[in-house]
Amino acid sequence: MTNNDVFKRIRFIEDFTNLQLIDVFNEVDFKVEQEVIKAWQKKEDQPEFKMITDVELALFLNGLINIKRGKKPGAKPPLETELENNDVLKKLKIAYQLTSDDILKLFKSKGKKVSKNELSAFLRNPDQAQYRVLQDQYLRNFMSALQVHLKK
C-alpha cells in the first residue's frame, strides 16, 4: 500500500477532519499546513497531489499512538526513515491496543487465514531469520477489518 493510502484509510477510520489531522502531527511536534494535508488526500492523477514520505507517515502514526495511548515519558524513540507494511501493522497494533488474537480475528473476518506463527513473523525485527514481509493485500484487509471493528 502507498503511504497516502494508509494515511487516507486511517483518516476515514477515525473520521478525522483536516484540523484534527494537524493535531495528530502536533502530538509529535511536527508542523504541517492544511494545504499539505489536502494534497496528501488527492488522487495521484490530480495536479495538487503530493506523496507523503515514510518519515511523515511515521510521525503521523506516532502521533496517533500518542493520542490513543498517551505520550510515553522520557526520551522520544528514534524516528523511522523507512516504513514498511510491517511497521504500519506494529504501530496500529500499539495505537489501538490490539492483542495478537485480536489481529488474527480481524484477518479471519476478511477471509485471510493467518497463523500465530505467521503473525509473529510479521511483527518480528527484519534482522531476524523468521521475519516475513507483510504484503499489501494483508495490510489492506487488516485495515478494512479494523475499520469495521472500530465502527461497531
N, C-alpha and C. Protein backbone atom coordinates (compact mmCIF):
# COMPACT_ATOMS: atom_id res chain seq x y z
N MET A 1 0.84 -1.18 0.00
CA MET A 1 0.00 0.00 0.00
C MET A 1 0.89 1.24 0.00
N THR A 2 0.42 2.27 -0.65
CA THR A 2 1.19 3.51 -0.61
C THR A 2 0.97 4.20 0.74
N ASN A 3 1.89 5.06 1.08
CA ASN A 3 1.75 5.82 2.33
C ASN A 3 0.47 6.65 2.31
N ASN A 4 0.14 7.21 1.14
CA ASN A 4 -1.07 8.02 1.04
C ASN A 4 -2.32 7.17 1.30
N ASP A 5 -2.32 5.92 0.80
CA ASP A 5 -3.46 5.03 1.04
C ASP A 5 -3.62 4.76 2.54
N VAL A 6 -2.52 4.49 3.21
CA VAL A 6 -2.56 4.23 4.66
C VAL A 6 -3.09 5.47 5.38
N PHE A 7 -2.55 6.63 5.03
CA PHE A 7 -2.96 7.89 5.65
C PHE A 7 -4.46 8.14 5.47
N LYS A 8 -4.94 7.97 4.23
CA LYS A 8 -6.36 8.22 3.94
C LYS A 8 -7.26 7.21 4.66
N ARG A 9 -6.84 5.96 4.74
CA ARG A 9 -7.66 4.95 5.42
C ARG A 9 -7.78 5.24 6.92
N ILE A 10 -6.68 5.64 7.52
CA ILE A 10 -6.73 5.97 8.96
C ILE A 10 -7.59 7.21 9.17
N ARG A 11 -7.48 8.17 8.28
CA ARG A 11 -8.34 9.36 8.37
C ARG A 11 -9.80 8.95 8.32
N PHE A 12 -10.13 8.04 7.41
CA PHE A 12 -11.50 7.58 7.28
C PHE A 12 -11.94 6.76 8.50
N ILE A 13 -11.07 5.86 8.95
CA ILE A 13 -11.38 5.03 10.12
C ILE A 13 -11.72 5.91 11.33
N GLU A 14 -10.92 6.93 11.53
CA GLU A 14 -11.08 7.83 12.69
C GLU A 14 -12.07 8.96 12.43
N ASP A 15 -12.43 9.17 11.18
CA ASP A 15 -13.30 10.25 10.79
C ASP A 15 -12.69 11.60 11.19
N PHE A 16 -11.37 11.73 10.97
CA PHE A 16 -10.64 12.94 11.30
C PHE A 16 -10.94 14.05 10.29
N THR A 17 -11.09 15.26 10.79
CA THR A 17 -11.13 16.43 9.91
C THR A 17 -9.67 16.81 9.61
N ASN A 18 -9.49 17.72 8.67
CA ASN A 18 -8.13 18.16 8.36
C ASN A 18 -7.47 18.83 9.57
N LEU A 19 -8.26 19.57 10.35
CA LEU A 19 -7.71 20.20 11.56
C LEU A 19 -7.31 19.16 12.60
N GLN A 20 -8.09 18.09 12.71
CA GLN A 20 -7.73 17.02 13.64
C GLN A 20 -6.46 16.30 13.17
N LEU A 21 -6.29 16.17 11.87
CA LEU A 21 -5.07 15.56 11.34
C LEU A 21 -3.86 16.41 11.71
N ILE A 22 -4.01 17.72 11.64
CA ILE A 22 -2.92 18.62 12.05
C ILE A 22 -2.61 18.42 13.52
N ASP A 23 -3.66 18.24 14.34
CA ASP A 23 -3.46 17.98 15.78
C ASP A 23 -2.69 16.69 16.03
N VAL A 24 -2.92 15.68 15.21
CA VAL A 24 -2.18 14.42 15.35
C VAL A 24 -0.69 14.69 15.14
N PHE A 25 -0.36 15.46 14.12
CA PHE A 25 1.05 15.80 13.88
C PHE A 25 1.61 16.67 14.99
N ASN A 26 0.77 17.56 15.55
CA ASN A 26 1.23 18.39 16.67
C ASN A 26 1.62 17.56 17.87
N GLU A 27 1.03 16.39 18.03
CA GLU A 27 1.36 15.48 19.14
C GLU A 27 2.83 15.07 19.14
N VAL A 28 3.44 15.10 17.97
CA VAL A 28 4.86 14.74 17.85
C VAL A 28 5.70 15.95 17.43
N ASP A 29 5.16 17.14 17.71
CA ASP A 29 5.87 18.40 17.46
C ASP A 29 6.28 18.56 16.00
N PHE A 30 5.39 18.17 15.10
CA PHE A 30 5.63 18.33 13.67
C PHE A 30 4.58 19.26 13.12
N LYS A 31 5.02 20.33 12.50
CA LYS A 31 4.10 21.32 11.94
C LYS A 31 3.82 20.98 10.48
N VAL A 32 2.54 20.92 10.15
CA VAL A 32 2.14 20.66 8.77
C VAL A 32 0.99 21.60 8.43
N GLU A 33 1.00 22.12 7.23
CA GLU A 33 -0.03 23.05 6.78
C GLU A 33 -1.24 22.30 6.25
N GLN A 34 -2.40 22.93 6.35
CA GLN A 34 -3.64 22.32 5.88
C GLN A 34 -3.58 22.02 4.37
N GLU A 35 -2.89 22.85 3.61
CA GLU A 35 -2.77 22.62 2.16
C GLU A 35 -2.03 21.32 1.88
N VAL A 36 -1.03 21.02 2.69
CA VAL A 36 -0.27 19.78 2.53
C VAL A 36 -1.15 18.58 2.88
N ILE A 37 -1.91 18.69 3.97
CA ILE A 37 -2.84 17.63 4.36
C ILE A 37 -3.81 17.35 3.21
N LYS A 38 -4.32 18.41 2.60
CA LYS A 38 -5.25 18.25 1.47
C LYS A 38 -4.56 17.58 0.28
N ALA A 39 -3.33 17.97 0.01
CA ALA A 39 -2.58 17.41 -1.13
C ALA A 39 -2.32 15.92 -0.94
N TRP A 40 -2.10 15.49 0.31
CA TRP A 40 -1.88 14.06 0.59
C TRP A 40 -3.13 13.23 0.32
N GLN A 41 -4.29 13.88 0.37
CA GLN A 41 -5.55 13.15 0.20
C GLN A 41 -6.06 13.16 -1.24
N LYS A 42 -5.38 13.87 -2.11
CA LYS A 42 -5.77 13.93 -3.52
C LYS A 42 -5.45 12.60 -4.21
N LYS A 43 -6.08 12.39 -5.36
CA LYS A 43 -5.77 11.23 -6.19
C LYS A 43 -4.46 11.50 -6.93
N GLU A 44 -3.75 10.43 -7.25
CA GLU A 44 -2.42 10.56 -7.86
C GLU A 44 -2.43 11.32 -9.18
N ASP A 45 -3.54 11.26 -9.90
CA ASP A 45 -3.58 11.93 -11.20
C ASP A 45 -3.97 13.40 -11.11
N GLN A 46 -4.24 13.89 -9.91
CA GLN A 46 -4.59 15.29 -9.74
C GLN A 46 -3.32 16.14 -9.58
N PRO A 47 -3.30 17.33 -10.15
CA PRO A 47 -2.08 18.14 -10.11
C PRO A 47 -1.64 18.54 -8.70
N GLU A 48 -2.57 18.65 -7.77
CA GLU A 48 -2.22 19.08 -6.40
C GLU A 48 -1.70 17.92 -5.55
N PHE A 49 -1.75 16.69 -6.07
CA PHE A 49 -1.34 15.51 -5.31
C PHE A 49 0.11 15.63 -4.84
N LYS A 50 0.31 15.21 -3.59
CA LYS A 50 1.66 15.17 -3.02
C LYS A 50 1.81 13.85 -2.28
N MET A 51 2.94 13.19 -2.48
CA MET A 51 3.21 11.92 -1.83
C MET A 51 3.65 12.18 -0.39
N ILE A 52 3.08 11.43 0.56
CA ILE A 52 3.50 11.53 1.96
C ILE A 52 4.73 10.62 2.12
N THR A 53 5.78 11.16 2.70
CA THR A 53 7.02 10.40 2.84
C THR A 53 6.91 9.39 3.98
N ASP A 54 7.88 8.47 4.03
CA ASP A 54 7.93 7.50 5.13
C ASP A 54 8.06 8.21 6.47
N VAL A 55 8.89 9.24 6.52
CA VAL A 55 9.09 9.98 7.77
C VAL A 55 7.79 10.64 8.21
N GLU A 56 7.08 11.26 7.27
CA GLU A 56 5.83 11.94 7.60
C GLU A 56 4.76 10.94 8.06
N LEU A 57 4.68 9.79 7.40
CA LEU A 57 3.72 8.77 7.83
C LEU A 57 4.09 8.22 9.20
N ALA A 58 5.37 8.00 9.44
CA ALA A 58 5.83 7.53 10.76
C ALA A 58 5.46 8.53 11.84
N LEU A 59 5.66 9.82 11.55
CA LEU A 59 5.28 10.86 12.51
C LEU A 59 3.77 10.83 12.77
N PHE A 60 2.99 10.68 11.70
CA PHE A 60 1.54 10.61 11.85
C PHE A 60 1.13 9.42 12.72
N LEU A 61 1.70 8.27 12.45
CA LEU A 61 1.36 7.07 13.23
C LEU A 61 1.81 7.22 14.69
N ASN A 62 2.96 7.83 14.90
CA ASN A 62 3.42 8.08 16.28
C ASN A 62 2.48 9.06 16.99
N GLY A 63 2.00 10.06 16.26
CA GLY A 63 1.03 11.00 16.83
C GLY A 63 -0.27 10.29 17.18
N LEU A 64 -0.70 9.36 16.31
CA LEU A 64 -1.91 8.58 16.58
C LEU A 64 -1.73 7.75 17.84
N ILE A 65 -0.55 7.15 18.00
CA ILE A 65 -0.26 6.38 19.21
C ILE A 65 -0.35 7.29 20.43
N ASN A 66 0.22 8.48 20.36
CA ASN A 66 0.16 9.42 21.49
C ASN A 66 -1.27 9.80 21.83
N ILE A 67 -2.10 10.01 20.82
CA ILE A 67 -3.50 10.37 21.07
C ILE A 67 -4.26 9.21 21.68
N LYS A 68 -4.05 8.02 21.17
CA LYS A 68 -4.81 6.85 21.62
C LYS A 68 -4.31 6.29 22.96
N ARG A 69 -3.01 6.36 23.20
CA ARG A 69 -2.43 5.72 24.38
C ARG A 69 -1.81 6.68 25.36
N GLY A 70 -1.58 7.91 24.92
CA GLY A 70 -0.90 8.88 25.76
C GLY A 70 0.59 8.88 25.45
N LYS A 71 1.22 10.03 25.72
CA LYS A 71 2.65 10.15 25.45
C LYS A 71 3.44 9.34 26.46
N LYS A 72 4.48 8.70 25.97
CA LYS A 72 5.36 7.92 26.83
C LYS A 72 6.37 8.88 27.47
N PRO A 73 6.55 8.78 28.79
CA PRO A 73 7.53 9.67 29.42
C PRO A 73 8.96 9.30 28.98
N GLY A 74 9.83 10.28 29.06
CA GLY A 74 11.23 10.01 28.72
C GLY A 74 11.56 10.48 27.32
N ALA A 75 12.70 10.02 26.86
CA ALA A 75 13.18 10.41 25.54
C ALA A 75 12.32 9.83 24.44
N LYS A 76 12.21 10.59 23.35
CA LYS A 76 11.44 10.12 22.21
C LYS A 76 12.20 8.99 21.52
N PRO A 77 11.47 7.97 21.03
CA PRO A 77 12.15 6.91 20.30
C PRO A 77 12.70 7.45 18.97
N PRO A 78 13.72 6.80 18.42
CA PRO A 78 14.25 7.28 17.14
C PRO A 78 13.19 7.18 16.05
N LEU A 79 13.18 8.15 15.17
CA LEU A 79 12.18 8.21 14.11
C LEU A 79 12.61 7.34 12.93
N GLU A 80 11.68 6.56 12.43
CA GLU A 80 11.96 5.71 11.28
C GLU A 80 12.11 6.57 10.03
N THR A 81 13.10 6.26 9.23
CA THR A 81 13.28 6.96 7.97
C THR A 81 12.73 6.13 6.82
N GLU A 82 12.54 4.84 7.06
CA GLU A 82 11.90 3.95 6.09
C GLU A 82 10.78 3.22 6.81
N LEU A 83 9.66 3.08 6.14
CA LEU A 83 8.49 2.46 6.74
C LEU A 83 7.95 1.38 5.81
N GLU A 84 7.83 0.19 6.33
CA GLU A 84 7.29 -0.94 5.57
C GLU A 84 5.89 -1.25 6.09
N ASN A 85 5.15 -2.09 5.38
CA ASN A 85 3.82 -2.51 5.83
C ASN A 85 3.89 -3.12 7.24
N ASN A 86 4.94 -3.87 7.52
CA ASN A 86 5.10 -4.48 8.84
C ASN A 86 5.14 -3.42 9.93
N ASP A 87 5.83 -2.31 9.66
CA ASP A 87 5.92 -1.22 10.64
C ASP A 87 4.56 -0.57 10.88
N VAL A 88 3.79 -0.42 9.80
CA VAL A 88 2.44 0.14 9.92
C VAL A 88 1.58 -0.76 10.79
N LEU A 89 1.64 -2.07 10.55
CA LEU A 89 0.88 -3.04 11.36
C LEU A 89 1.27 -2.93 12.83
N LYS A 90 2.57 -2.86 13.11
CA LYS A 90 3.04 -2.75 14.50
C LYS A 90 2.51 -1.49 15.17
N LYS A 91 2.57 -0.37 14.45
CA LYS A 91 2.13 0.90 15.03
C LYS A 91 0.62 0.93 15.26
N LEU A 92 -0.13 0.33 14.35
CA LEU A 92 -1.59 0.26 14.54
C LEU A 92 -1.93 -0.68 15.70
N LYS A 93 -1.17 -1.74 15.84
CA LYS A 93 -1.35 -2.67 16.97
C LYS A 93 -1.17 -1.92 18.29
N ILE A 94 -0.14 -1.08 18.35
CA ILE A 94 0.14 -0.31 19.56
C ILE A 94 -0.95 0.75 19.78
N ALA A 95 -1.27 1.51 18.74
CA ALA A 95 -2.23 2.60 18.87
C ALA A 95 -3.59 2.11 19.36
N TYR A 96 -4.05 1.01 18.79
CA TYR A 96 -5.39 0.51 19.13
C TYR A 96 -5.37 -0.58 20.20
N GLN A 97 -4.20 -0.77 20.81
CA GLN A 97 -4.04 -1.72 21.91
C GLN A 97 -4.60 -3.10 21.54
N LEU A 98 -4.18 -3.58 20.38
CA LEU A 98 -4.66 -4.86 19.89
C LEU A 98 -3.72 -5.98 20.33
N THR A 99 -4.30 -7.09 20.73
CA THR A 99 -3.50 -8.27 21.04
C THR A 99 -3.29 -9.04 19.73
N SER A 100 -2.41 -10.00 19.78
CA SER A 100 -2.20 -10.85 18.59
C SER A 100 -3.49 -11.58 18.24
N ASP A 101 -4.23 -12.03 19.25
CA ASP A 101 -5.50 -12.70 18.99
C ASP A 101 -6.49 -11.76 18.31
N ASP A 102 -6.51 -10.49 18.72
CA ASP A 102 -7.38 -9.51 18.07
C ASP A 102 -7.03 -9.39 16.58
N ILE A 103 -5.75 -9.31 16.29
CA ILE A 103 -5.31 -9.17 14.90
C ILE A 103 -5.68 -10.40 14.09
N LEU A 104 -5.49 -11.58 14.68
CA LEU A 104 -5.86 -12.82 13.97
C LEU A 104 -7.36 -12.85 13.67
N LYS A 105 -8.17 -12.39 14.61
CA LYS A 105 -9.62 -12.33 14.39
C LYS A 105 -9.97 -11.35 13.28
N LEU A 106 -9.26 -10.23 13.24
CA LEU A 106 -9.51 -9.24 12.19
C LEU A 106 -9.18 -9.82 10.81
N PHE A 107 -8.05 -10.50 10.71
CA PHE A 107 -7.70 -11.15 9.44
C PHE A 107 -8.75 -12.19 9.06
N LYS A 108 -9.15 -12.98 10.03
CA LYS A 108 -10.14 -14.04 9.77
C LYS A 108 -11.46 -13.45 9.29
N SER A 109 -11.86 -12.29 9.85
CA SER A 109 -13.13 -11.67 9.46
C SER A 109 -13.12 -11.25 7.99
N LYS A 110 -11.94 -11.11 7.41
CA LYS A 110 -11.82 -10.74 5.99
C LYS A 110 -11.44 -11.94 5.12
N GLY A 111 -11.51 -13.14 5.72
CA GLY A 111 -11.23 -14.34 4.95
C GLY A 111 -9.75 -14.62 4.73
N LYS A 112 -8.89 -13.93 5.45
CA LYS A 112 -7.44 -14.17 5.35
C LYS A 112 -7.02 -15.09 6.48
N LYS A 113 -6.51 -16.23 6.09
CA LYS A 113 -6.06 -17.20 7.10
C LYS A 113 -4.61 -16.90 7.45
N VAL A 114 -4.40 -16.44 8.66
CA VAL A 114 -3.06 -16.12 9.15
C VAL A 114 -2.87 -16.90 10.45
N SER A 115 -1.78 -17.65 10.53
CA SER A 115 -1.49 -18.41 11.74
C SER A 115 -0.78 -17.52 12.75
N LYS A 116 -0.71 -18.00 13.99
CA LYS A 116 0.01 -17.26 15.02
C LYS A 116 1.48 -17.10 14.64
N ASN A 117 2.05 -18.16 14.05
CA ASN A 117 3.45 -18.10 13.65
C ASN A 117 3.67 -17.07 12.54
N GLU A 118 2.73 -17.00 11.59
CA GLU A 118 2.84 -16.01 10.52
C GLU A 118 2.77 -14.60 11.08
N LEU A 119 1.80 -14.38 11.97
CA LEU A 119 1.65 -13.06 12.57
C LEU A 119 2.91 -12.68 13.34
N SER A 120 3.45 -13.63 14.08
CA SER A 120 4.68 -13.39 14.81
C SER A 120 5.81 -13.01 13.85
N ALA A 121 5.85 -13.65 12.69
CA ALA A 121 6.88 -13.34 11.69
C ALA A 121 6.70 -11.92 11.13
N PHE A 122 5.45 -11.49 10.99
CA PHE A 122 5.17 -10.14 10.51
C PHE A 122 5.62 -9.08 11.53
N LEU A 123 5.55 -9.43 12.80
CA LEU A 123 5.83 -8.47 13.87
C LEU A 123 7.29 -8.50 14.34
N ARG A 124 8.08 -9.38 13.78
CA ARG A 124 9.49 -9.50 14.18
C ARG A 124 10.35 -8.39 13.61
N ASN A 125 11.55 -8.31 14.16
CA ASN A 125 12.56 -7.40 13.65
C ASN A 125 13.03 -7.93 12.29
N PRO A 126 13.20 -7.06 11.31
CA PRO A 126 13.63 -7.52 9.97
C PRO A 126 14.96 -8.27 9.96
N ASP A 127 15.78 -8.07 10.98
CA ASP A 127 17.07 -8.75 11.03
C ASP A 127 16.95 -10.21 11.46
N GLN A 128 15.80 -10.60 11.99
CA GLN A 128 15.63 -11.97 12.45
C GLN A 128 15.32 -12.90 11.28
N ALA A 129 15.77 -14.12 11.39
CA ALA A 129 15.61 -15.10 10.30
C ALA A 129 14.14 -15.41 10.02
N GLN A 130 13.29 -15.38 11.04
CA GLN A 130 11.88 -15.74 10.87
C GLN A 130 11.02 -14.59 10.34
N TYR A 131 11.61 -13.41 10.18
CA TYR A 131 10.88 -12.24 9.69
C TYR A 131 10.25 -12.53 8.33
N ARG A 132 9.03 -12.04 8.15
CA ARG A 132 8.33 -12.20 6.87
C ARG A 132 7.71 -10.87 6.48
N VAL A 133 7.83 -10.51 5.22
CA VAL A 133 7.30 -9.23 4.73
C VAL A 133 5.77 -9.32 4.65
N LEU A 134 5.10 -8.29 5.16
CA LEU A 134 3.65 -8.20 5.11
C LEU A 134 3.25 -7.62 3.75
N GLN A 135 2.58 -8.41 2.96
CA GLN A 135 2.19 -7.99 1.61
C GLN A 135 1.05 -6.96 1.69
N ASP A 136 0.93 -6.17 0.62
CA ASP A 136 -0.09 -5.11 0.56
C ASP A 136 -1.50 -5.62 0.83
N GLN A 137 -1.86 -6.77 0.23
CA GLN A 137 -3.23 -7.26 0.38
C GLN A 137 -3.53 -7.62 1.84
N TYR A 138 -2.53 -8.05 2.59
CA TYR A 138 -2.75 -8.36 4.00
C TYR A 138 -2.99 -7.08 4.79
N LEU A 139 -2.18 -6.06 4.55
CA LEU A 139 -2.38 -4.79 5.25
C LEU A 139 -3.72 -4.17 4.87
N ARG A 140 -4.06 -4.24 3.59
CA ARG A 140 -5.35 -3.70 3.12
C ARG A 140 -6.51 -4.41 3.81
N ASN A 141 -6.46 -5.73 3.88
CA ASN A 141 -7.52 -6.48 4.55
C ASN A 141 -7.55 -6.19 6.05
N PHE A 142 -6.38 -6.08 6.66
CA PHE A 142 -6.33 -5.76 8.08
C PHE A 142 -6.97 -4.41 8.36
N MET A 143 -6.62 -3.40 7.57
CA MET A 143 -7.17 -2.06 7.80
C MET A 143 -8.67 -2.01 7.52
N SER A 144 -9.12 -2.77 6.55
CA SER A 144 -10.56 -2.84 6.27
C SER A 144 -11.29 -3.48 7.45
N ALA A 145 -10.74 -4.55 7.98
CA ALA A 145 -11.34 -5.22 9.14
C ALA A 145 -11.29 -4.32 10.38
N LEU A 146 -10.20 -3.59 10.54
CA LEU A 146 -10.05 -2.67 11.67
C LEU A 146 -11.12 -1.60 11.60
N GLN A 147 -11.37 -1.10 10.42
CA GLN A 147 -12.40 -0.09 10.23
C GLN A 147 -13.76 -0.61 10.69
N VAL A 148 -14.13 -1.81 10.26
CA VAL A 148 -15.41 -2.41 10.65
C VAL A 148 -15.44 -2.61 12.17
N HIS A 149 -14.33 -3.10 12.72
CA HIS A 149 -14.23 -3.37 14.16
C HIS A 149 -14.41 -2.09 14.98
N LEU A 150 -13.79 -1.01 14.55
CA LEU A 150 -13.84 0.24 15.32
C LEU A 150 -15.14 1.01 15.13
N LYS A 151 -15.84 0.77 14.04
CA LYS A 151 -17.09 1.49 13.78
C LYS A 151 -18.29 0.84 14.46
N LYS A 152 -18.07 -0.31 15.10
CA LYS A 152 -19.19 -1.01 15.79
C LYS A 152 -19.67 -0.20 16.96
